[in-house]
Amino acid sequence: MEHVISMEEILGPFWELLPAPAPE
């Protein structure tokens, strides 16, 4: 099974700074 990299993993802590909630 491959590990799929999510946007949250790429952006790291910066993801929490976005105005929109993180998609599941």
C-alpha atoms as a PDB file:
ATOM      1  CA  MET A   1       0.000   0.000   0.000  1.00  0.00           C
ATOM      2  CA  GLU A   2       1.423   3.355  -1.033  1.00  0.00           C
ATOM      3  CA  HIS A   3       1.513   6.278   1.339  1.00  0.00           C
ATOM      4  CA  VAL A   4      -0.439   9.169  -0.147  1.00  0.00           C
ATOM      5  CA  ILE A   5       0.930  12.558   0.852  1.00  0.00           C
ATOM      6  CA  SER A   6      -1.842  14.930   1.840  1.00  0.00           C
ATOM      7  CA  MET A   7      -1.825  18.703   1.502  1.00  0.00           C
ATOM      8  CA  GLU A   8      -1.650  18.917   5.284  1.00  0.00           C
ATOM      9  CA  GLU A   9       1.621  16.976   5.314  1.00  0.00           C
ATOM     10  CA  ILE A  10       3.113  19.204   2.613  1.00  0.00           C
ATOM     11  CA  LEU A  11       2.115  22.485   4.250  1.00  0.00           C
ATOM     12  CA  GLY A  12       2.870  21.326   7.788  1.00  0.00           C
ATOM     13  CA  PRO A  13       2.192  23.977  10.485  1.00  0.00           C
ATOM     14  CA  PHE A  14       1.231  26.511   7.793  1.00  0.00           C
ATOM     15  CA  TRP A  15      -1.896  24.442   7.108  1.00  0.00           C
ATOM     16  CA  GLU A  16      -3.386  25.614  10.422  1.00  0.00           C
ATOM     17  CA  LEU A  17      -2.892  29.232   9.369  1.00  0.00           C
ATOM     18  CA  LEU A  18      -5.305  28.884   6.458  1.00  0.00           C
ATOM     19  CA  PRO A  19      -8.765  30.473   6.910  1.00  0.00           C
ATOM     20  CA  ALA A  20     -10.558  27.372   5.645  1.00  0.00           C
ATOM     21  CA  PRO A  21     -10.809  24.187   7.768  1.00  0.00           C
ATOM     22  CA  ALA A  22      -8.650  21.273   6.656  1.00  0.00           C
ATOM     23  CA  PRO A  23     -10.569  18.752   4.520  1.00  0.00           C
ATOM     24  CA  GLU A  24     -10.736  15.183   5.809  1.00  0.00           C
END
